[in-house]
Amino acid sequence: MEPKSQNICYEESQNNILVFLTSVGGFYSFMTAFYILLFGSPKYSPWGYCQTCPCWWPFRRSYKRHLAKQFISENGRTLFVDDPRELLSDASIEDKIVILGNWLAMLEDLLKKFYLDTSYLKLLKETREKYITLYKDYKELEPDHAIEEGDE
């Protein structure tokens, strides 16, 4: 049996920058979805399949205990959950200062460990201290030519 028509169609592929960008975008989307499936989305659901799988539960429990030891105070109060104004209503001024100091230390620790890269801030502090030392040395060596502190 012969075909009715002798037309042959050829498909020509296009190789341009748009095809490449769509391929890269599709690959990135697939890898992001795969990562979120395995490890969870950090802000919304930090526990993905790898953390909820029964074989990982001991590690998850130990991690939760570790976080609880760090971010729950001695009196059972938790950052961002309990209102500090309610805690301070019947405390003396010294107790209020201690409680707020502990809360501030826990908050700084939380930000350092999970949200902020403090290495740059440390470098900035060291650089500032270096310039202050150099300025003091310059002021001692050249007191007539030193810049007044208000002229900076």
N, C-alpha and C. Protein backbone atom coordinates (compact mmCIF):
# COMPACT_ATOMS: atom_id res chain seq x y z
N MET A 1 0.83 -1.16 0.00
CA MET A 1 0.00 0.00 0.00
C MET A 1 0.89 1.25 0.00
N GLU A 2 0.64 2.13 -0.90
CA GLU A 2 1.45 3.33 -1.03
C GLU A 2 0.73 4.52 -0.41
N PRO A 3 1.55 5.47 0.14
CA PRO A 3 0.90 6.67 0.70
C PRO A 3 0.27 7.49 -0.41
N LYS A 4 -0.75 8.25 -0.05
CA LYS A 4 -1.46 9.04 -1.02
C LYS A 4 -0.67 10.25 -1.48
N SER A 5 0.14 10.82 -0.60
CA SER A 5 0.93 11.97 -1.02
C SER A 5 2.40 11.69 -0.78
N GLN A 6 3.23 12.38 -1.52
CA GLN A 6 4.67 12.20 -1.43
C GLN A 6 5.34 13.35 -0.67
N ASN A 7 4.59 14.15 0.09
CA ASN A 7 5.16 15.28 0.82
C ASN A 7 5.93 14.77 2.03
N ILE A 8 7.13 15.26 2.18
CA ILE A 8 7.96 14.92 3.33
C ILE A 8 8.19 16.21 4.11
N CYS A 9 7.94 16.16 5.40
CA CYS A 9 8.12 17.34 6.26
C CYS A 9 9.39 17.16 7.09
N TYR A 10 10.18 18.21 7.14
CA TYR A 10 11.39 18.21 7.96
C TYR A 10 11.19 19.22 9.09
N GLU A 11 11.64 18.83 10.27
CA GLU A 11 11.55 19.75 11.41
C GLU A 11 12.92 20.36 11.64
N GLU A 12 12.96 21.65 11.65
CA GLU A 12 14.23 22.34 11.80
C GLU A 12 14.30 22.88 13.23
N SER A 13 15.37 22.55 13.95
CA SER A 13 15.51 23.04 15.33
C SER A 13 16.17 24.41 15.32
N GLN A 14 15.74 25.22 16.25
CA GLN A 14 16.29 26.56 16.35
C GLN A 14 17.26 26.58 17.53
N ASN A 15 18.44 27.07 17.28
CA ASN A 15 19.43 27.20 18.33
C ASN A 15 19.76 28.68 18.49
N ASN A 16 19.05 29.30 19.40
CA ASN A 16 19.35 30.69 19.69
C ASN A 16 19.35 30.89 21.20
N ILE A 17 19.56 32.11 21.61
CA ILE A 17 19.73 32.40 23.03
C ILE A 17 18.44 32.18 23.80
N LEU A 18 17.27 32.41 23.19
CA LEU A 18 16.01 32.22 23.90
C LEU A 18 15.75 30.76 24.22
N VAL A 19 16.08 29.88 23.30
CA VAL A 19 15.91 28.45 23.54
C VAL A 19 16.82 28.01 24.69
N PHE A 20 18.05 28.53 24.69
CA PHE A 20 18.99 28.20 25.75
C PHE A 20 18.49 28.70 27.10
N LEU A 21 18.00 29.95 27.15
CA LEU A 21 17.52 30.51 28.41
C LEU A 21 16.30 29.76 28.94
N THR A 22 15.40 29.36 28.07
CA THR A 22 14.24 28.59 28.53
C THR A 22 14.66 27.23 29.05
N SER A 23 15.66 26.63 28.44
CA SER A 23 16.16 25.33 28.92
C SER A 23 16.80 25.48 30.30
N VAL A 24 17.60 26.52 30.47
CA VAL A 24 18.23 26.76 31.77
C VAL A 24 17.18 27.07 32.82
N GLY A 25 16.18 27.88 32.49
CA GLY A 25 15.11 28.20 33.43
C GLY A 25 14.32 26.97 33.84
N GLY A 26 14.04 26.10 32.89
CA GLY A 26 13.33 24.86 33.20
C GLY A 26 14.15 23.95 34.10
N PHE A 27 15.44 23.84 33.83
CA PHE A 27 16.31 23.02 34.66
C PHE A 27 16.39 23.58 36.08
N TYR A 28 16.53 24.91 36.20
CA TYR A 28 16.61 25.53 37.52
C TYR A 28 15.31 25.31 38.29
N SER A 29 14.18 25.44 37.62
CA SER A 29 12.88 25.23 38.28
C SER A 29 12.75 23.80 38.76
N PHE A 30 13.18 22.86 37.94
CA PHE A 30 13.12 21.45 38.34
C PHE A 30 14.01 21.19 39.55
N MET A 31 15.23 21.72 39.54
CA MET A 31 16.15 21.49 40.66
C MET A 31 15.64 22.16 41.95
N THR A 32 15.04 23.34 41.83
CA THR A 32 14.48 24.01 43.00
C THR A 32 13.32 23.21 43.58
N ALA A 33 12.44 22.72 42.72
CA ALA A 33 11.31 21.91 43.18
C ALA A 33 11.80 20.63 43.85
N PHE A 34 12.81 20.02 43.29
CA PHE A 34 13.38 18.79 43.86
C PHE A 34 13.99 19.07 45.23
N TYR A 35 14.71 20.18 45.36
CA TYR A 35 15.32 20.56 46.64
C TYR A 35 14.24 20.82 47.69
N ILE A 36 13.18 21.54 47.31
CA ILE A 36 12.10 21.84 48.26
C ILE A 36 11.38 20.56 48.67
N LEU A 37 11.23 19.64 47.74
CA LEU A 37 10.61 18.36 48.07
C LEU A 37 11.45 17.61 49.11
N LEU A 38 12.76 17.59 48.92
CA LEU A 38 13.62 16.85 49.84
C LEU A 38 13.82 17.56 51.18
N PHE A 39 14.08 18.87 51.15
CA PHE A 39 14.50 19.56 52.36
C PHE A 39 13.51 20.60 52.87
N GLY A 40 12.48 20.91 52.13
CA GLY A 40 11.49 21.87 52.57
C GLY A 40 11.86 23.29 52.20
N SER A 41 10.85 24.13 52.17
CA SER A 41 11.07 25.55 51.91
C SER A 41 11.42 26.21 53.24
N PRO A 42 12.53 26.93 53.33
CA PRO A 42 13.02 27.40 54.63
C PRO A 42 12.05 28.25 55.43
N LYS A 43 11.33 29.17 54.80
CA LYS A 43 10.47 30.07 55.56
C LYS A 43 9.13 29.44 55.90
N TYR A 44 8.56 28.66 55.00
CA TYR A 44 7.21 28.17 55.19
C TYR A 44 7.16 26.83 55.89
N SER A 45 7.93 25.90 55.42
CA SER A 45 7.94 24.56 56.00
C SER A 45 9.37 24.05 56.00
N PRO A 46 10.08 24.22 57.10
CA PRO A 46 11.49 23.86 57.09
C PRO A 46 11.75 22.36 57.06
N TRP A 47 10.72 21.54 57.14
CA TRP A 47 10.92 20.10 57.13
C TRP A 47 10.43 19.52 55.81
N GLY A 48 11.32 18.98 55.01
CA GLY A 48 10.97 18.32 53.76
C GLY A 48 10.89 16.82 53.96
N TYR A 49 10.92 16.08 52.87
CA TYR A 49 10.81 14.63 52.93
C TYR A 49 11.96 14.00 53.70
N CYS A 50 13.16 14.52 53.50
CA CYS A 50 14.32 13.94 54.18
C CYS A 50 14.22 14.06 55.70
N GLN A 51 13.63 15.15 56.17
CA GLN A 51 13.52 15.33 57.61
C GLN A 51 12.31 14.62 58.20
N THR A 52 11.27 14.39 57.39
CA THR A 52 10.07 13.73 57.92
C THR A 52 10.08 12.23 57.70
N CYS A 53 11.01 11.73 56.95
CA CYS A 53 11.13 10.29 56.74
C CYS A 53 11.47 9.63 58.08
N PRO A 54 10.85 8.50 58.40
CA PRO A 54 11.08 7.88 59.72
C PRO A 54 12.55 7.58 60.06
N CYS A 55 13.36 7.34 59.05
CA CYS A 55 14.76 7.04 59.36
C CYS A 55 15.52 8.26 59.85
N TRP A 56 14.98 9.48 59.63
CA TRP A 56 15.64 10.72 60.07
C TRP A 56 15.08 11.27 61.36
N TRP A 57 14.03 10.66 61.94
CA TRP A 57 13.39 11.21 63.13
C TRP A 57 14.34 11.38 64.32
N PRO A 58 15.26 10.45 64.58
CA PRO A 58 16.17 10.69 65.72
C PRO A 58 17.02 11.95 65.53
N PHE A 59 17.46 12.21 64.30
CA PHE A 59 18.24 13.41 64.04
C PHE A 59 17.38 14.66 64.20
N ARG A 60 16.14 14.57 63.75
CA ARG A 60 15.22 15.71 63.85
C ARG A 60 14.93 16.02 65.32
N ARG A 61 14.69 14.98 66.12
CA ARG A 61 14.43 15.19 67.55
C ARG A 61 15.62 15.81 68.25
N SER A 62 16.82 15.33 67.93
CA SER A 62 18.00 15.89 68.59
C SER A 62 18.22 17.34 68.16
N TYR A 63 17.92 17.65 66.91
CA TYR A 63 18.06 19.03 66.44
C TYR A 63 17.04 19.94 67.14
N LYS A 64 15.82 19.47 67.31
CA LYS A 64 14.80 20.25 68.00
C LYS A 64 15.20 20.48 69.47
N ARG A 65 15.76 19.45 70.11
CA ARG A 65 16.22 19.61 71.49
C ARG A 65 17.34 20.64 71.57
N HIS A 66 18.24 20.59 70.60
CA HIS A 66 19.35 21.55 70.55
C HIS A 66 18.82 22.97 70.41
N LEU A 67 17.86 23.19 69.51
CA LEU A 67 17.26 24.51 69.35
C LEU A 67 16.52 24.95 70.60
N ALA A 68 15.82 24.02 71.23
CA ALA A 68 15.07 24.37 72.45
C ALA A 68 16.01 24.79 73.57
N LYS A 69 17.15 24.14 73.69
CA LYS A 69 18.12 24.52 74.72
C LYS A 69 18.66 25.92 74.48
N GLN A 70 18.82 26.28 73.22
CA GLN A 70 19.40 27.58 72.90
C GLN A 70 18.40 28.72 72.96
N PHE A 71 17.17 28.51 72.51
CA PHE A 71 16.26 29.62 72.30
C PHE A 71 15.03 29.62 73.20
N ILE A 72 15.01 28.79 74.23
CA ILE A 72 13.97 28.86 75.24
C ILE A 72 14.67 29.19 76.54
N SER A 73 14.24 30.26 77.18
CA SER A 73 14.93 30.72 78.38
C SER A 73 14.68 29.78 79.55
N GLU A 74 15.36 30.05 80.67
CA GLU A 74 15.26 29.20 81.85
C GLU A 74 13.85 29.15 82.41
N ASN A 75 13.10 30.23 82.27
CA ASN A 75 11.75 30.25 82.82
C ASN A 75 10.70 29.76 81.81
N GLY A 76 11.13 29.18 80.71
CA GLY A 76 10.20 28.60 79.75
C GLY A 76 9.67 29.55 78.71
N ARG A 77 10.20 30.75 78.63
CA ARG A 77 9.73 31.73 77.66
C ARG A 77 10.48 31.56 76.35
N THR A 78 9.78 31.79 75.25
CA THR A 78 10.34 31.58 73.93
C THR A 78 10.34 32.89 73.15
N LEU A 79 11.41 33.09 72.37
CA LEU A 79 11.48 34.27 71.51
C LEU A 79 10.34 34.26 70.50
N PHE A 80 9.78 35.41 70.22
CA PHE A 80 8.74 35.63 69.20
C PHE A 80 7.43 34.92 69.50
N VAL A 81 7.33 34.19 70.60
CA VAL A 81 6.09 33.50 70.93
C VAL A 81 5.43 34.18 72.13
N ASP A 82 6.21 34.39 73.18
CA ASP A 82 5.68 35.02 74.39
C ASP A 82 5.89 36.52 74.32
N ASP A 83 4.94 37.26 74.84
CA ASP A 83 5.01 38.72 74.85
C ASP A 83 5.86 39.16 76.04
N PRO A 84 6.97 39.85 75.81
CA PRO A 84 7.83 40.24 76.93
C PRO A 84 7.17 41.25 77.86
N ARG A 85 6.17 42.00 77.40
CA ARG A 85 5.50 42.97 78.27
C ARG A 85 4.73 42.26 79.37
N GLU A 86 4.19 41.08 79.07
CA GLU A 86 3.47 40.31 80.10
C GLU A 86 4.43 39.77 81.14
N LEU A 87 5.63 39.41 80.72
CA LEU A 87 6.62 38.88 81.65
C LEU A 87 7.10 39.93 82.63
N LEU A 88 7.14 41.16 82.18
CA LEU A 88 7.76 42.23 82.96
C LEU A 88 6.77 42.97 83.84
N SER A 89 5.53 42.58 83.87
CA SER A 89 4.53 43.36 84.60
C SER A 89 4.76 43.35 86.10
N ASP A 90 5.17 42.23 86.69
CA ASP A 90 5.32 42.16 88.14
C ASP A 90 6.77 42.03 88.58
N ALA A 91 7.73 42.27 87.70
CA ALA A 91 9.15 42.12 88.03
C ALA A 91 9.73 43.45 88.49
N SER A 92 10.79 43.35 89.28
CA SER A 92 11.49 44.56 89.70
C SER A 92 12.34 45.07 88.53
N ILE A 93 12.88 46.27 88.68
CA ILE A 93 13.65 46.88 87.59
C ILE A 93 14.89 46.04 87.28
N GLU A 94 15.56 45.55 88.32
CA GLU A 94 16.76 44.73 88.09
C GLU A 94 16.41 43.44 87.34
N ASP A 95 15.29 42.82 87.73
CA ASP A 95 14.85 41.60 87.05
C ASP A 95 14.47 41.88 85.60
N LYS A 96 13.83 43.02 85.36
CA LYS A 96 13.47 43.40 83.99
C LYS A 96 14.70 43.56 83.13
N ILE A 97 15.72 44.19 83.68
CA ILE A 97 16.97 44.38 82.92
C ILE A 97 17.61 43.04 82.60
N VAL A 98 17.62 42.12 83.56
CA VAL A 98 18.22 40.80 83.33
C VAL A 98 17.42 40.02 82.29
N ILE A 99 16.09 40.05 82.41
CA ILE A 99 15.24 39.30 81.47
C ILE A 99 15.40 39.84 80.05
N LEU A 100 15.35 41.16 79.91
CA LEU A 100 15.50 41.75 78.57
C LEU A 100 16.91 41.53 78.02
N GLY A 101 17.92 41.55 78.89
CA GLY A 101 19.29 41.25 78.44
C GLY A 101 19.40 39.82 77.93
N ASN A 102 18.77 38.87 78.62
CA ASN A 102 18.78 37.47 78.15
C ASN A 102 18.06 37.33 76.82
N TRP A 103 16.91 38.01 76.70
CA TRP A 103 16.16 37.94 75.44
C TRP A 103 16.96 38.54 74.29
N LEU A 104 17.63 39.64 74.55
CA LEU A 104 18.44 40.27 73.52
C LEU A 104 19.61 39.37 73.11
N ALA A 105 20.23 38.71 74.09
CA ALA A 105 21.33 37.79 73.77
C ALA A 105 20.83 36.61 72.94
N MET A 106 19.65 36.07 73.28
CA MET A 106 19.09 34.97 72.49
C MET A 106 18.76 35.43 71.08
N LEU A 107 18.23 36.63 70.95
CA LEU A 107 17.89 37.16 69.63
C LEU A 107 19.14 37.37 68.78
N GLU A 108 20.20 37.93 69.37
CA GLU A 108 21.45 38.10 68.64
C GLU A 108 22.02 36.76 68.21
N ASP A 109 21.96 35.78 69.10
CA ASP A 109 22.47 34.45 68.78
C ASP A 109 21.69 33.82 67.63
N LEU A 110 20.36 33.97 67.67
CA LEU A 110 19.51 33.45 66.59
C LEU A 110 19.85 34.11 65.26
N LEU A 111 20.01 35.42 65.25
CA LEU A 111 20.32 36.13 64.02
C LEU A 111 21.71 35.74 63.50
N LYS A 112 22.68 35.60 64.37
CA LYS A 112 24.04 35.22 63.95
C LYS A 112 24.06 33.83 63.35
N LYS A 113 23.34 32.89 63.96
CA LYS A 113 23.43 31.50 63.52
C LYS A 113 22.65 31.23 62.24
N PHE A 114 21.52 31.90 62.06
CA PHE A 114 20.65 31.50 60.96
C PHE A 114 20.37 32.56 59.91
N TYR A 115 20.64 33.85 60.20
CA TYR A 115 20.22 34.87 59.25
C TYR A 115 21.32 35.82 58.80
N LEU A 116 22.23 36.19 59.67
CA LEU A 116 23.22 37.20 59.34
C LEU A 116 24.61 36.61 59.22
N ASP A 117 25.37 37.11 58.25
CA ASP A 117 26.77 36.76 58.12
C ASP A 117 27.57 37.83 58.86
N THR A 118 28.03 37.50 60.05
CA THR A 118 28.69 38.49 60.89
C THR A 118 30.18 38.62 60.60
N SER A 119 30.71 37.82 59.70
CA SER A 119 32.14 37.93 59.40
C SER A 119 32.47 39.30 58.81
N TYR A 120 31.58 39.83 57.98
CA TYR A 120 31.80 41.16 57.40
C TYR A 120 31.75 42.23 58.48
N LEU A 121 30.82 42.09 59.42
CA LEU A 121 30.72 43.07 60.50
C LEU A 121 31.97 43.04 61.38
N LYS A 122 32.51 41.84 61.62
CA LYS A 122 33.75 41.74 62.40
C LYS A 122 34.90 42.41 61.66
N LEU A 123 34.99 42.17 60.37
CA LEU A 123 36.03 42.80 59.56
C LEU A 123 35.89 44.32 59.56
N LEU A 124 34.66 44.80 59.48
CA LEU A 124 34.39 46.23 59.52
C LEU A 124 34.81 46.84 60.86
N LYS A 125 34.54 46.13 61.94
CA LYS A 125 34.93 46.60 63.27
C LYS A 125 36.44 46.66 63.40
N GLU A 126 37.13 45.61 62.93
CA GLU A 126 38.59 45.60 62.99
C GLU A 126 39.19 46.73 62.16
N THR A 127 38.62 46.98 60.99
CA THR A 127 39.11 48.06 60.14
C THR A 127 38.91 49.42 60.81
N ARG A 128 37.76 49.60 61.42
CA ARG A 128 37.49 50.87 62.12
C ARG A 128 38.47 51.07 63.27
N GLU A 129 38.71 50.01 64.05
CA GLU A 129 39.65 50.13 65.16
C GLU A 129 41.07 50.42 64.65
N LYS A 130 41.42 49.84 63.52
CA LYS A 130 42.74 50.09 62.93
C LYS A 130 42.87 51.56 62.53
N TYR A 131 41.84 52.12 61.89
CA TYR A 131 41.89 53.53 61.49
C TYR A 131 41.91 54.46 62.69
N ILE A 132 41.19 54.12 63.75
CA ILE A 132 41.22 54.94 64.96
C ILE A 132 42.61 54.93 65.57
N THR A 133 43.25 53.77 65.61
CA THR A 133 44.61 53.67 66.14
C THR A 133 45.58 54.46 65.28
N LEU A 134 45.46 54.34 63.96
CA LEU A 134 46.33 55.10 63.07
C LEU A 134 46.11 56.60 63.23
N TYR A 135 44.87 57.02 63.40
CA TYR A 135 44.58 58.44 63.58
C TYR A 135 45.19 58.96 64.88
N LYS A 136 45.08 58.17 65.95
CA LYS A 136 45.68 58.59 67.23
C LYS A 136 47.20 58.69 67.11
N ASP A 137 47.81 57.72 66.40
CA ASP A 137 49.26 57.77 66.20
C ASP A 137 49.64 59.01 65.38
N TYR A 138 48.86 59.30 64.36
CA TYR A 138 49.13 60.47 63.52
C TYR A 138 48.98 61.75 64.34
N LYS A 139 47.96 61.78 65.19
CA LYS A 139 47.70 62.96 66.01
C LYS A 139 48.85 63.19 66.99
N GLU A 140 49.45 62.11 67.50
CA GLU A 140 50.59 62.24 68.41
C GLU A 140 51.83 62.72 67.67
N LEU A 141 52.03 62.23 66.44
CA LEU A 141 53.22 62.60 65.68
C LEU A 141 53.12 64.00 65.08
N GLU A 142 51.97 64.36 64.59
CA GLU A 142 51.75 65.65 63.93
C GLU A 142 50.59 66.39 64.59
N PRO A 143 50.78 66.94 65.77
CA PRO A 143 49.64 67.57 66.45
C PRO A 143 49.12 68.82 65.74
N ASP A 144 49.98 69.53 65.01
CA ASP A 144 49.54 70.74 64.33
C ASP A 144 48.67 70.45 63.11
N HIS A 145 48.93 69.31 62.46
CA HIS A 145 48.24 68.99 61.21
C HIS A 145 47.09 68.00 61.39
N ALA A 146 46.83 67.61 62.58
CA ALA A 146 45.75 66.63 62.82
C ALA A 146 44.40 67.27 62.55
N ILE A 147 43.53 66.50 62.00
CA ILE A 147 42.16 66.96 61.70
C ILE A 147 41.39 66.99 63.00
N GLU A 148 40.68 68.06 63.21
CA GLU A 148 39.84 68.14 64.39
C GLU A 148 38.70 67.15 64.25
N GLU A 149 38.23 66.62 65.36
CA GLU A 149 37.19 65.59 65.31
C GLU A 149 35.89 66.12 64.75
N GLY A 150 35.61 67.40 64.89
CA GLY A 150 34.38 67.97 64.35
C GLY A 150 34.48 68.26 62.87
N ASP A 151 35.69 68.24 62.27
CA ASP A 151 35.86 68.57 60.85
C ASP A 151 35.76 67.37 59.93
N GLU A 152 35.55 66.20 60.46
CA GLU A 152 35.56 64.98 59.63
C GLU A 152 34.48 64.97 58.67
